[in-house]
Amino acid sequence: MTYRVLMTAQLPDEAMRLLLEDEIISRVDVAAKPLQRSDIQDAFQKYDAVISLLSDQIEASMFENTTVRVVANYAVGYNNIDVDAAKKAGVYVTNTPGVLTDASADLGFALLMAVARKI
C-alpha cells in the first residue's frame, strides 16, 4: 500500500528528501501558498497524512469522515489541532518536541549577556 501526503508548507530540503525517497509514499503535494480552512478541510478527504504548521488550525469538523490517519505538526506544540477529535477519529497526532531547546537557551543567554554588559 502507498500513501498520499499533503504538506501545508515547504519543509527543509533534508525533510523533503527523506519523504520523497520513502517507497511507501506515492505522492507528496506541497501547498504553494498558505492554505485556507476550506483547503485543509478538502485535504482531509483526499490524503492519508497531513504535515501541518502551527499556524494551520486543524478543527474537530475536519476529522469527520476523514481519510487522514496521521497529522504531523511541524512544531513543538500541537494546540492548533483538536487532539480529542483526532483521537475519536483514530487519527495519530505528532509534533517535534525539543527542536527549539538549544535555540531558546542560546537566545536566553545572549539576552542575559546583553543586560549584564548594558548593550
PDB file of N, CA and C in Angstrom:
ATOM      1  N   MET A   1       0.847  -1.187   0.000  1.00  0.00           N
ATOM      2  CA  MET A   1       0.000   0.000   0.000  1.00  0.00           C
ATOM      3  C   MET A   1       0.885   1.240   0.000  1.00  0.00           C
ATOM      4  N   THR A   2       0.471   2.244  -0.738  1.00  0.00           N
ATOM      5  CA  THR A   2       1.195   3.514  -0.758  1.00  0.00           C
ATOM      6  C   THR A   2       0.303   4.617  -0.206  1.00  0.00           C
ATOM      7  N   TYR A   3       0.924   5.694   0.226  1.00  0.00           N
ATOM      8  CA  TYR A   3       0.198   6.760   0.911  1.00  0.00           C
ATOM      9  C   TYR A   3       0.386   8.104   0.230  1.00  0.00           C
ATOM     10  N   ARG A   4      -0.632   8.932   0.349  1.00  0.00           N
ATOM     11  CA  ARG A   4      -0.611  10.295  -0.178  1.00  0.00           C
ATOM     12  C   ARG A   4      -0.447  11.265   0.982  1.00  0.00           C
ATOM     13  N   VAL A   5       0.487  12.203   0.849  1.00  0.00           N
ATOM     14  CA  VAL A   5       0.811  13.141   1.921  1.00  0.00           C
ATOM     15  C   VAL A   5       0.657  14.569   1.411  1.00  0.00           C
ATOM     16  N   LEU A   6       0.057  15.416   2.221  1.00  0.00           N
ATOM     17  CA  LEU A   6      -0.013  16.843   1.928  1.00  0.00           C
ATOM     18  C   LEU A   6       0.824  17.590   2.955  1.00  0.00           C
ATOM     19  N   MET A   7       1.702  18.450   2.484  1.00  0.00           N
ATOM     20  CA  MET A   7       2.443  19.349   3.357  1.00  0.00           C
ATOM     21  C   MET A   7       1.847  20.738   3.167  1.00  0.00           C
ATOM     22  N   THR A   8       1.462  21.377   4.249  1.00  0.00           N
ATOM     23  CA  THR A   8       0.834  22.686   4.132  1.00  0.00           C
ATOM     24  C   THR A   8       1.835  23.790   3.832  1.00  0.00           C
ATOM     25  N   ALA A   9       3.128  23.485   3.876  1.00  0.00           N
ATOM     26  CA  ALA A   9       4.189  24.430   3.527  1.00  0.00           C
ATOM     27  C   ALA A   9       5.443  23.648   3.156  1.00  0.00           C
ATOM     28  N   GLN A  10       6.335  24.313   2.463  1.00  0.00           N
ATOM     29  CA  GLN A  10       7.609  23.692   2.091  1.00  0.00           C
ATOM     30  C   GLN A  10       8.442  23.449   3.341  1.00  0.00           C
ATOM     31  N   LEU A  11       8.981  22.252   3.476  1.00  0.00           N
ATOM     32  CA  LEU A  11       9.857  21.906   4.591  1.00  0.00           C
ATOM     33  C   LEU A  11      11.309  21.991   4.140  1.00  0.00           C
ATOM     34  N   PRO A  12      12.255  21.939   5.078  1.00  0.00           N
ATOM     35  CA  PRO A  12      13.668  21.966   4.693  1.00  0.00           C
ATOM     36  C   PRO A  12      14.003  20.847   3.709  1.00  0.00           C
ATOM     37  N   ASP A  13      15.042  21.069   2.914  1.00  0.00           N
ATOM     38  CA  ASP A  13      15.427  20.126   1.855  1.00  0.00           C
ATOM     39  C   ASP A  13      15.626  18.701   2.366  1.00  0.00           C
ATOM     40  N   GLU A  14      16.255  18.549   3.514  1.00  0.00           N
ATOM     41  CA  GLU A  14      16.513  17.212   4.061  1.00  0.00           C
ATOM     42  C   GLU A  14      15.207  16.469   4.356  1.00  0.00           C
ATOM     43  N   ALA A  15      14.235  17.173   4.906  1.00  0.00           N
ATOM     44  CA  ALA A  15      12.930  16.557   5.182  1.00  0.00           C
ATOM     45  C   ALA A  15      12.253  16.143   3.883  1.00  0.00           C
ATOM     46  N   MET A  16      12.336  16.992   2.886  1.00  0.00           N
ATOM     47  CA  MET A  16      11.738  16.661   1.588  1.00  0.00           C
ATOM     48  C   MET A  16      12.416  15.419   0.985  1.00  0.00           C
ATOM     49  N   ARG A  17      13.747  15.375   1.068  1.00  0.00           N
ATOM     50  CA  ARG A  17      14.479  14.236   0.523  1.00  0.00           C
ATOM     51  C   ARG A  17      14.037  12.935   1.186  1.00  0.00           C
ATOM     52  N   LEU A  18      13.925  12.962   2.513  1.00  0.00           N
ATOM     53  CA  LEU A  18      13.524  11.762   3.243  1.00  0.00           C
ATOM     54  C   LEU A  18      12.112  11.322   2.875  1.00  0.00           C
ATOM     55  N   LEU A  19      11.211  12.265   2.737  1.00  0.00           N
ATOM     56  CA  LEU A  19       9.838  11.921   2.354  1.00  0.00           C
ATOM     57  C   LEU A  19       9.782  11.319   0.957  1.00  0.00           C
ATOM     58  N   LEU A  20      10.487  11.937   0.041  1.00  0.00           N
ATOM     59  CA  LEU A  20      10.407  11.507  -1.350  1.00  0.00           C
ATOM     60  C   LEU A  20      11.122  10.193  -1.622  1.00  0.00           C
ATOM     61  N   GLU A  21      12.109   9.834  -0.792  1.00  0.00           N
ATOM     62  CA  GLU A  21      12.801   8.560  -1.016  1.00  0.00           C
ATOM     63  C   GLU A  21      12.075   7.389  -0.368  1.00  0.00           C
ATOM     64  N   ASP A  22      11.076   7.660   0.453  1.00  0.00           N
ATOM     65  CA  ASP A  22      10.319   6.600   1.110  1.00  0.00           C
ATOM     66  C   ASP A  22       9.399   5.934   0.087  1.00  0.00           C
ATOM     67  N   GLU A  23       9.563   4.665  -0.098  1.00  0.00           N
ATOM     68  CA  GLU A  23       8.824   3.956  -1.139  1.00  0.00           C
ATOM     69  C   GLU A  23       7.349   3.744  -0.822  1.00  0.00           C
ATOM     70  N   ILE A  24       6.947   3.921   0.427  1.00  0.00           N
ATOM     71  CA  ILE A  24       5.526   3.725   0.716  1.00  0.00           C
ATOM     72  C   ILE A  24       4.711   5.002   0.509  1.00  0.00           C
ATOM     73  N   ILE A  25       5.402   6.111   0.244  1.00  0.00           N
ATOM     74  CA  ILE A  25       4.697   7.365  -0.037  1.00  0.00           C
ATOM     75  C   ILE A  25       4.636   7.527  -1.545  1.00  0.00           C
ATOM     76  N   SER A  26       3.438   7.501  -2.082  1.00  0.00           N
ATOM     77  CA  SER A  26       3.287   7.571  -3.532  1.00  0.00           C
ATOM     78  C   SER A  26       3.213   9.001  -4.034  1.00  0.00           C
ATOM     79  N   ARG A  27       2.798   9.917  -3.154  1.00  0.00           N
ATOM     80  CA  ARG A  27       2.597  11.288  -3.620  1.00  0.00           C
ATOM     81  C   ARG A  27       2.780  12.246  -2.456  1.00  0.00           C
ATOM     82  N   VAL A  28       3.577  13.296  -2.686  1.00  0.00           N
ATOM     83  CA  VAL A  28       3.731  14.358  -1.704  1.00  0.00           C
ATOM     84  C   VAL A  28       3.387  15.662  -2.401  1.00  0.00           C
ATOM     85  N   ASP A  29       2.337  16.295  -1.970  1.00  0.00           N
ATOM     86  CA  ASP A  29       1.951  17.595  -2.509  1.00  0.00           C
ATOM     87  C   ASP A  29       2.321  18.670  -1.503  1.00  0.00           C
ATOM     88  N   VAL A  30       2.856  19.765  -2.007  1.00  0.00           N
ATOM     89  CA  VAL A  30       3.245  20.883  -1.159  1.00  0.00           C
ATOM     90  C   VAL A  30       2.394  22.085  -1.546  1.00  0.00           C
ATOM     91  N   ALA A  31       1.756  22.681  -0.558  1.00  0.00           N
ATOM     92  CA  ALA A  31       0.946  23.866  -0.819  1.00  0.00           C
ATOM     93  C   ALA A  31       1.851  25.011  -1.264  1.00  0.00           C
ATOM     94  N   ALA A  32       1.487  25.658  -2.353  1.00  0.00           N
ATOM     95  CA  ALA A  32       2.292  26.760  -2.883  1.00  0.00           C
ATOM     96  C   ALA A  32       2.053  28.058  -2.119  1.00  0.00           C
ATOM     97  N   LYS A  33       0.925  28.134  -1.443  1.00  0.00           N
ATOM     98  CA  LYS A  33       0.590  29.336  -0.669  1.00  0.00           C
ATOM     99  C   LYS A  33      -0.110  28.887   0.604  1.00  0.00           C
ATOM    100  N   PRO A  34      -0.210  29.773   1.581  1.00  0.00           N
ATOM    101  CA  PRO A  34      -0.922  29.372   2.811  1.00  0.00           C
ATOM    102  C   PRO A  34      -2.330  28.867   2.487  1.00  0.00           C
ATOM    103  N   LEU A  35      -2.687  27.758   3.091  1.00  0.00           N
ATOM    104  CA  LEU A  35      -3.989  27.151   2.818  1.00  0.00           C
ATOM    105  C   LEU A  35      -5.086  27.798   3.649  1.00  0.00           C
ATOM    106  N   GLN A  36      -6.221  27.937   3.030  1.00  0.00           N
ATOM    107  CA  GLN A  36      -7.411  28.413   3.729  1.00  0.00           C
ATOM    108  C   GLN A  36      -8.040  27.224   4.464  1.00  0.00           C
ATOM    109  N   ARG A  37      -8.926  27.522   5.394  1.00  0.00           N
ATOM    110  CA  ARG A  37      -9.606  26.472   6.152  1.00  0.00           C
ATOM    111  C   ARG A  37     -10.264  25.459   5.217  1.00  0.00           C
ATOM    112  N   SER A  38     -10.931  25.937   4.169  1.00  0.00           N
ATOM    113  CA  SER A  38     -11.629  25.037   3.244  1.00  0.00           C
ATOM    114  C   SER A  38     -10.651  24.126   2.494  1.00  0.00           C
ATOM    115  N   ASP A  39      -9.460  24.639   2.191  1.00  0.00           N
ATOM    116  CA  ASP A  39      -8.446  23.811   1.523  1.00  0.00           C
ATOM    117  C   ASP A  39      -7.994  22.676   2.432  1.00  0.00           C
ATOM    118  N   ILE A  40      -7.793  22.988   3.708  1.00  0.00           N
ATOM    119  CA  ILE A  40      -7.376  21.960   4.661  1.00  0.00           C
ATOM    120  C   ILE A  40      -8.500  20.949   4.856  1.00  0.00           C
ATOM    121  N   GLN A  41      -9.730  21.433   4.941  1.00  0.00           N
ATOM    122  CA  GLN A  41     -10.892  20.537   5.068  1.00  0.00           C
ATOM    123  C   GLN A  41     -10.937  19.570   3.888  1.00  0.00           C
ATOM    124  N   ASP A  42     -10.736  20.087   2.676  1.00  0.00           N
ATOM    125  CA  ASP A  42     -10.731  19.236   1.480  1.00  0.00           C
ATOM    126  C   ASP A  42      -9.607  18.202   1.544  1.00  0.00           C
ATOM    127  N   ALA A  43      -8.442  18.628   2.035  1.00  0.00           N
ATOM    128  CA  ALA A  43      -7.291  17.724   2.124  1.00  0.00           C
ATOM    129  C   ALA A  43      -7.594  16.538   3.031  1.00  0.00           C
ATOM    130  N   PHE A  44      -8.390  16.755   4.058  1.00  0.00           N
ATOM    131  CA  PHE A  44      -8.723  15.687   4.998  1.00  0.00           C
ATOM    132  C   PHE A  44      -9.635  14.636   4.368  1.00  0.00           C
ATOM    133  N   GLN A  45     -10.112  14.894   3.163  1.00  0.00           N
ATOM    134  CA  GLN A  45     -10.930  13.928   2.444  1.00  0.00           C
ATOM    135  C   GLN A  45     -10.171  13.266   1.300  1.00  0.00           C
ATOM    136  N   LYS A  46      -8.907  13.701   1.057  1.00  0.00           N
ATOM    137  CA  LYS A  46      -8.150  13.209  -0.103  1.00  0.00           C
ATOM    138  C   LYS A  46      -6.815  12.556   0.239  1.00  0.00           C
ATOM    139  N   TYR A  47      -6.263  12.877   1.383  1.00  0.00           N
ATOM    140  CA  TYR A  47      -4.911  12.433   1.713  1.00  0.00           C
ATOM    141  C   TYR A  47      -4.917  11.439   2.867  1.00  0.00           C
ATOM    142  N   ASP A  48      -3.807  10.725   2.993  1.00  0.00           N
ATOM    143  CA  ASP A  48      -3.628   9.779   4.088  1.00  0.00           C
ATOM    144  C   ASP A  48      -2.915  10.414   5.275  1.00  0.00           C
ATOM    145  N   ALA A  49      -2.132  11.461   4.996  1.00  0.00           N
ATOM    146  CA  ALA A  49      -1.388  12.154   6.049  1.00  0.00           C
ATOM    147  C   ALA A  49      -1.283  13.632   5.705  1.00  0.00           C
ATOM    148  N   VAL A  50      -1.251  14.451   6.738  1.00  0.00           N
ATOM    149  CA  VAL A  50      -1.075  15.893   6.570  1.00  0.00           C
ATOM    150  C   VAL A  50       0.077  16.324   7.464  1.00  0.00           C
ATOM    151  N   ILE A  51       1.034  17.036   6.873  1.00  0.00           N
ATOM    152  CA  ILE A  51       2.117  17.644   7.642  1.00  0.00           C
ATOM    153  C   ILE A  51       1.779  19.119   7.739  1.00  0.00           C
ATOM    154  N   SER A  52       1.465  19.561   8.952  1.00  0.00           N
ATOM    155  CA  SER A  52       0.959  20.917   9.144  1.00  0.00           C
ATOM    156  C   SER A  52       1.934  21.790   9.920  1.00  0.00           C
ATOM    157  N   LEU A  53       1.685  23.082   9.873  1.00  0.00           N
ATOM    158  CA  LEU A  53       2.419  24.055  10.660  1.00  0.00           C
ATOM    159  C   LEU A  53       1.558  24.480  11.844  1.00  0.00           C
ATOM    160  N   LEU A  54       2.168  25.128  12.816  1.00  0.00           N
ATOM    161  CA  LEU A  54       1.435  25.605  13.983  1.00  0.00           C
ATOM    162  C   LEU A  54       0.363  26.618  13.596  1.00  0.00           C
ATOM    163  N   SER A  55       0.554  27.302  12.489  1.00  0.00           N
ATOM    164  CA  SER A  55      -0.411  28.306  12.040  1.00  0.00           C
ATOM    165  C   SER A  55      -1.636  27.691  11.363  1.00  0.00           C
ATOM    166  N   ASP A  56      -1.601  26.400  11.063  1.00  0.00           N
ATOM    167  CA  ASP A  56      -2.744  25.714  10.443  1.00  0.00           C
ATOM    168  C   ASP A  56      -3.695  25.228  11.532  1.00  0.00           C
ATOM    169  N   GLN A  57      -4.909  25.726  11.519  1.00  0.00           N
ATOM    170  CA  GLN A  57      -5.905  25.309  12.503  1.00  0.00           C
ATOM    171  C   GLN A  57      -6.588  24.022  12.024  1.00  0.00           C
ATOM    172  N   ILE A  58      -6.393  22.953  12.780  1.00  0.00           N
ATOM    173  CA  ILE A  58      -6.988  21.661  12.454  1.00  0.00           C
ATOM    174  C   ILE A  58      -8.138  21.437  13.435  1.00  0.00           C
ATOM    175  N   GLU A  59      -9.341  21.685  12.952  1.00  0.00           N
ATOM    176  CA  GLU A  59     -10.536  21.695  13.794  1.00  0.00           C
ATOM    177  C   GLU A  59     -11.218  20.328  13.843  1.00  0.00           C
ATOM    178  N   ALA A  60     -12.086  20.171  14.822  1.00  0.00           N
ATOM    179  CA  ALA A  60     -12.798  18.907  15.031  1.00  0.00           C
ATOM    180  C   ALA A  60     -13.570  18.461  13.791  1.00  0.00           C
ATOM    181  N   SER A  61     -14.200  19.395  13.097  1.00  0.00           N
ATOM    182  CA  SER A  61     -15.016  19.038  11.933  1.00  0.00           C
ATOM    183  C   SER A  61     -14.189  18.408  10.814  1.00  0.00           C
ATOM    184  N   MET A  62     -12.896  18.675  10.793  1.00  0.00           N
ATOM    185  CA  MET A  62     -12.042  18.118   9.742  1.00  0.00           C
ATOM    186  C   MET A  62     -11.835  16.618   9.902  1.00  0.00           C
ATOM    187  N   PHE A  63     -12.059  16.104  11.106  1.00  0.00           N
ATOM    188  CA  PHE A  63     -11.856  14.685  11.369  1.00  0.00           C
ATOM    189  C   PHE A  63     -13.092  13.842  11.067  1.00  0.00           C
ATOM    190  N   GLU A  64     -14.168  14.482  10.665  1.00  0.00           N
ATOM    191  CA  GLU A  64     -15.390  13.740  10.331  1.00  0.00           C
ATOM    192  C   GLU A  64     -15.228  13.086   8.959  1.00  0.00           C
ATOM    193  N   ASN A  65     -15.378  11.792   8.908  1.00  0.00           N
ATOM    194  CA  ASN A  65     -15.269  11.013   7.664  1.00  0.00           C
ATOM    195  C   ASN A  65     -13.962  11.289   6.924  1.00  0.00           C
ATOM    196  N   THR A  66     -12.883  11.388   7.650  1.00  0.00           N
ATOM    197  CA  THR A  66     -11.603  11.702   7.048  1.00  0.00           C
ATOM    198  C   THR A  66     -10.871  10.473   6.546  1.00  0.00           C
ATOM    199  N   THR A  67     -10.031  10.678   5.544  1.00  0.00           N
ATOM    200  CA  THR A  67      -9.143   9.621   5.070  1.00  0.00           C
ATOM    201  C   THR A  67      -7.778   9.727   5.746  1.00  0.00           C
ATOM    202  N   VAL A  68      -7.528  10.840   6.428  1.00  0.00           N
ATOM    203  CA  VAL A  68      -6.239  11.088   7.087  1.00  0.00           C
ATOM    204  C   VAL A  68      -6.077  10.161   8.278  1.00  0.00           C
ATOM    205  N   ARG A  69      -4.888   9.570   8.400  1.00  0.00           N
ATOM    206  CA  ARG A  69      -4.582   8.696   9.532  1.00  0.00           C
ATOM    207  C   ARG A  69      -3.544   9.313  10.451  1.00  0.00           C
ATOM    208  N   VAL A  70      -2.789  10.319   9.937  1.00  0.00           N
ATOM    209  CA  VAL A  70      -1.743  10.971  10.726  1.00  0.00           C
ATOM    210  C   VAL A  70      -1.731  12.462  10.409  1.00  0.00           C
ATOM    211  N   VAL A  71      -1.668  13.276  11.466  1.00  0.00           N
ATOM    212  CA  VAL A  71      -1.389  14.702  11.321  1.00  0.00           C
ATOM    213  C   VAL A  71      -0.056  14.934  12.027  1.00  0.00           C
ATOM    214  N   ALA A  72       0.962  15.268  11.247  1.00  0.00           N
ATOM    215  CA  ALA A  72       2.299  15.511  11.787  1.00  0.00           C
ATOM    216  C   ALA A  72       2.515  17.016  11.839  1.00  0.00           C
ATOM    217  N   ASN A  73       2.540  17.558  13.029  1.00  0.00           N
ATOM    218  CA  ASN A  73       2.688  19.001  13.208  1.00  0.00           C
ATOM    219  C   ASN A  73       4.166  19.366  13.214  1.00  0.00           C
ATOM    220  N   TYR A  74       4.560  20.215  12.286  1.00  0.00           N
ATOM    221  CA  TYR A  74       5.944  20.667  12.202  1.00  0.00           C
ATOM    222  C   TYR A  74       6.107  21.838  13.169  1.00  0.00           C
ATOM    223  N   ALA A  75       6.071  21.503  14.453  1.00  0.00           N
ATOM    224  CA  ALA A  75       6.153  22.499  15.529  1.00  0.00           C
ATOM    225  C   ALA A  75       6.307  21.755  16.850  1.00  0.00           C
ATOM    226  N   VAL A  76       6.772  22.474  17.851  1.00  0.00           N
ATOM    227  CA  VAL A  76       6.907  21.891  19.186  1.00  0.00           C
ATOM    228  C   VAL A  76       5.530  21.625  19.780  1.00  0.00           C
ATOM    229  N   GLY A  77       4.646  22.581  19.628  1.00  0.00           N
ATOM    230  CA  GLY A  77       3.311  22.453  20.204  1.00  0.00           C
ATOM    231  C   GLY A  77       2.348  21.744  19.275  1.00  0.00           C
ATOM    232  N   TYR A  78       1.127  21.582  19.764  1.00  0.00           N
ATOM    233  CA  TYR A  78       0.062  20.998  18.953  1.00  0.00           C
ATOM    234  C   TYR A  78      -1.288  21.593  19.350  1.00  0.00           C
ATOM    235  N   ASN A  79      -1.255  22.803  19.931  1.00  0.00           N
ATOM    236  CA  ASN A  79      -2.501  23.437  20.352  1.00  0.00           C
ATOM    237  C   ASN A  79      -3.335  23.930  19.178  1.00  0.00           C
ATOM    238  N   ASN A  80      -2.843  23.817  17.959  1.00  0.00           N
ATOM    239  CA  ASN A  80      -3.615  24.162  16.773  1.00  0.00           C
ATOM    240  C   ASN A  80      -4.459  22.992  16.274  1.00  0.00           C
ATOM    241  N   ILE A  81      -4.335  21.847  16.928  1.00  0.00           N
ATOM    242  CA  ILE A  81      -5.044  20.638  16.498  1.00  0.00           C
ATOM    243  C   ILE A  81      -6.020  20.213  17.587  1.00  0.00           C
ATOM    244  N   ASP A  82      -7.235  19.897  17.198  1.00  0.00           N
ATOM    245  CA  ASP A  82      -8.203  19.364  18.152  1.00  0.00           C
ATOM    246  C   ASP A  82      -7.844  17.896  18.393  1.00  0.00           C
ATOM    247  N   VAL A  83      -7.013  17.681  19.390  1.00  0.00           N
ATOM    248  CA  VAL A  83      -6.477  16.346  19.662  1.00  0.00           C
ATOM    249  C   VAL A  83      -7.578  15.377  20.089  1.00  0.00           C
ATOM    250  N   ASP A  84      -8.559  15.847  20.845  1.00  0.00           N
ATOM    251  CA  ASP A  84      -9.657  14.971  21.268  1.00  0.00           C
ATOM    252  C   ASP A  84     -10.428  14.447  20.056  1.00  0.00           C
ATOM    253  N   ALA A  85     -10.694  15.325  19.100  1.00  0.00           N
ATOM    254  CA  ALA A  85     -11.415  14.902  17.891  1.00  0.00           C
ATOM    255  C   ALA A  85     -10.563  13.929  17.073  1.00  0.00           C
ATOM    256  N   ALA A  86      -9.266  14.181  17.025  1.00  0.00           N
ATOM    257  CA  ALA A  86      -8.365  13.275  16.305  1.00  0.00           C
ATOM    258  C   ALA A  86      -8.384  11.898  16.948  1.00  0.00           C
ATOM    259  N   LYS A  87      -8.309  11.879  18.270  1.00  0.00           N
ATOM    260  CA  LYS A  87      -8.310  10.605  18.991  1.00  0.00           C
ATOM    261  C   LYS A  87      -9.597   9.830  18.727  1.00  0.00           C
ATOM    262  N   LYS A  88     -10.740  10.524  18.761  1.00  0.00           N
ATOM    263  CA  LYS A  88     -12.027   9.866  18.498  1.00  0.00           C
ATOM    264  C   LYS A  88     -12.087   9.298  17.091  1.00  0.00           C
ATOM    265  N   ALA A  89     -11.425   9.982  16.148  1.00  0.00           N
ATOM    266  CA  ALA A  89     -11.431   9.537  14.751  1.00  0.00           C
ATOM    267  C   ALA A  89     -10.347   8.505  14.465  1.00  0.00           C
ATOM    268  N   GLY A  90      -9.514   8.204  15.460  1.00  0.00           N
ATOM    269  CA  GLY A  90      -8.446   7.240  15.264  1.00  0.00           C
ATOM    270  C   GLY A  90      -7.269   7.791  14.472  1.00  0.00           C
ATOM    271  N   VAL A  91      -7.087   9.110  14.533  1.00  0.00           N
ATOM    272  CA  VAL A  91      -6.004   9.773  13.806  1.00  0.00           C
ATOM    273  C   VAL A  91      -4.868  10.070  14.783  1.00  0.00           C
ATOM    274  N   TYR A  92      -3.662   9.671  14.404  1.00  0.00           N
ATOM    275  CA  TYR A  92      -2.490   9.960  15.223  1.00  0.00           C
ATOM    276  C   TYR A  92      -2.079  11.419  15.025  1.00  0.00           C
ATOM    277  N   VAL A  93      -1.627  12.052  16.107  1.00  0.00           N
ATOM    278  CA  VAL A  93      -1.111  13.417  16.046  1.00  0.00           C
ATOM    279  C   VAL A  93       0.312  13.394  16.577  1.00  0.00           C
ATOM    280  N   THR A  94       1.229  13.948  15.794  1.00  0.00           N
ATOM    281  CA  THR A  94       2.619  14.015  16.223  1.00  0.00           C
ATOM    282  C   THR A  94       3.090  15.468  16.206  1.00  0.00           C
ATOM    283  N   ASN A  95       4.201  15.720  16.885  1.00  0.00           N
ATOM    284  CA  ASN A  95       4.825  17.038  16.868  1.00  0.00           C
ATOM    285  C   ASN A  95       6.332  16.848  16.936  1.00  0.00           C
ATOM    286  N   THR A  96       7.074  17.939  17.053  1.00  0.00           N
ATOM    287  CA  THR A  96       8.535  17.856  17.082  1.00  0.00           C
ATOM    288  C   THR A  96       9.058  18.480  18.373  1.00  0.00           C
ATOM    289  N   PRO A  97       8.884  17.793  19.502  1.00  0.00           N
ATOM    290  CA  PRO A  97       9.320  18.373  20.780  1.00  0.00           C
ATOM    291  C   PRO A  97      10.844  18.487  20.850  1.00  0.00           C
ATOM    292  N   GLY A  98      11.297  19.508  21.543  1.00  0.00           N
ATOM    293  CA  GLY A  98      12.719  19.655  21.799  1.00  0.00           C
ATOM    294  C   GLY A  98      13.530  20.336  20.714  1.00  0.00           C
ATOM    295  N   VAL A  99      12.944  20.628  19.565  1.00  0.00           N
ATOM    296  CA  VAL A  99      13.740  21.204  18.482  1.00  0.00           C
ATOM    297  C   VAL A  99      14.174  22.639  18.747  1.00  0.00           C
ATOM    298  N   LEU A 100      13.521  23.318  19.646  1.00  0.00           N
ATOM    299  CA  LEU A 100      13.870  24.713  19.931  1.00  0.00           C
ATOM    300  C   LEU A 100      14.635  24.888  21.235  1.00  0.00           C
ATOM    301  N   THR A 101      14.934  23.810  21.911  1.00  0.00           N
ATOM    302  CA  THR A 101      15.579  23.895  23.222  1.00  0.00           C
ATOM    303  C   THR A 101      16.915  24.629  23.157  1.00  0.00           C
ATOM    304  N   ASP A 102      17.792  24.223  22.253  1.00  0.00           N
ATOM    305  CA  ASP A 102      19.110  24.862  22.155  1.00  0.00           C
ATOM    306  C   ASP A 102      18.995  26.322  21.719  1.00  0.00           C
ATOM    307  N   ALA A 103      18.151  26.577  20.736  1.00  0.00           N
ATOM    308  CA  ALA A 103      17.996  27.953  20.256  1.00  0.00           C
ATOM    309  C   ALA A 103      17.444  28.856  21.352  1.00  0.00           C
ATOM    310  N   SER A 104      16.502  28.353  22.132  1.00  0.00           N
ATOM    311  CA  SER A 104      15.938  29.149  23.234  1.00  0.00           C
ATOM    312  C   SER A 104      16.984  29.414  24.307  1.00  0.00           C
ATOM    313  N   ALA A 105      17.788  28.418  24.617  1.00  0.00           N
ATOM    314  CA  ALA A 105      18.850  28.599  25.610  1.00  0.00           C
ATOM    315  C   ALA A 105      19.878  29.608  25.118  1.00  0.00           C
ATOM    316  N   ASP A 106      20.261  29.521  23.853  1.00  0.00           N
ATOM    317  CA  ASP A 106      21.215  30.467  23.283  1.00  0.00           C
ATOM    318  C   ASP A 106      20.688  31.892  23.342  1.00  0.00           C
ATOM    319  N   LEU A 107      19.437  32.074  22.961  1.00  0.00           N
ATOM    320  CA  LEU A 107      18.839  33.408  22.997  1.00  0.00           C
ATOM    321  C   LEU A 107      18.752  33.929  24.426  1.00  0.00           C
ATOM    322  N   GLY A 108      18.332  33.086  25.353  1.00  0.00           N
ATOM    323  CA  GLY A 108      18.259  33.486  26.761  1.00  0.00           C
ATOM    324  C   GLY A 108      19.607  33.928  27.294  1.00  0.00           C
ATOM    325  N   PHE A 109      20.652  33.167  26.965  1.00  0.00           N
ATOM    326  CA  PHE A 109      21.993  33.534  27.425  1.00  0.00           C
ATOM    327  C   PHE A 109      22.456  34.831  26.765  1.00  0.00           C
ATOM    328  N   ALA A 110      22.171  35.001  25.478  1.00  0.00           N
ATOM    329  CA  ALA A 110      22.555  36.231  24.778  1.00  0.00           C
ATOM    330  C   ALA A 110      21.859  37.446  25.394  1.00  0.00           C
ATOM    331  N   LEU A 111      20.592  37.307  25.745  1.00  0.00           N
ATOM    332  CA  LEU A 111      19.873  38.407  26.385  1.00  0.00           C
ATOM    333  C   LEU A 111      20.447  38.706  27.765  1.00  0.00           C
ATOM    334  N   LEU A 112      20.789  37.653  28.498  1.00  0.00           N
ATOM    335  CA  LEU A 112      21.412  37.823  29.808  1.00  0.00           C
ATOM    336  C   LEU A 112      22.730  38.596  29.691  1.00  0.00           C
ATOM    337  N   MET A 113      23.536  38.222  28.711  1.00  0.00           N
ATOM    338  CA  MET A 113      24.812  38.912  28.493  1.00  0.00           C
ATOM    339  C   MET A 113      24.595  40.362  28.056  1.00  0.00           C
ATOM    340  N   ALA A 114      23.577  40.597  27.230  1.00  0.00           N
ATOM    341  CA  ALA A 114      23.281  41.952  26.786  1.00  0.00           C
ATOM    342  C   ALA A 114      22.916  42.842  27.969  1.00  0.00           C
ATOM    343  N   VAL A 115      22.141  42.316  28.901  1.00  0.00           N
ATOM    344  CA  VAL A 115      21.764  43.081  30.111  1.00  0.00           C
ATOM    345  C   VAL A 115      22.978  43.292  30.996  1.00  0.00           C
ATOM    346  N   ALA A 116      23.778  42.250  31.184  1.00  0.00           N
ATOM    347  CA  ALA A 116      24.971  42.346  32.039  1.00  0.00           C
ATOM    348  C   ALA A 116      25.979  43.336  31.484  1.00  0.00           C
ATOM    349  N   ARG A 117      26.093  43.418  30.176  1.00  0.00           N
ATOM    350  CA  ARG A 117      27.050  44.324  29.544  1.00  0.00           C
ATOM    351  C   ARG A 117      26.436  45.678  29.195  1.00  0.00           C
ATOM    352  N   LYS A 118      25.155  45.822  29.528  1.00  0.00           N
ATOM    353  CA  LYS A 118      24.424  47.067  29.266  1.00  0.00           C
ATOM    354  C   LYS A 118      24.467  47.446  27.782  1.00  0.00           C
ATOM    355  N   ILE A 119      24.192  46.427  26.961  1.00  0.00           N
ATOM    356  CA  ILE A 119      24.179  46.641  25.498  1.00  0.00           C
ATOM    357  C   ILE A 119      22.823  47.150  25.085  1.00  0.00           C
TER     358      ILE A 119
END
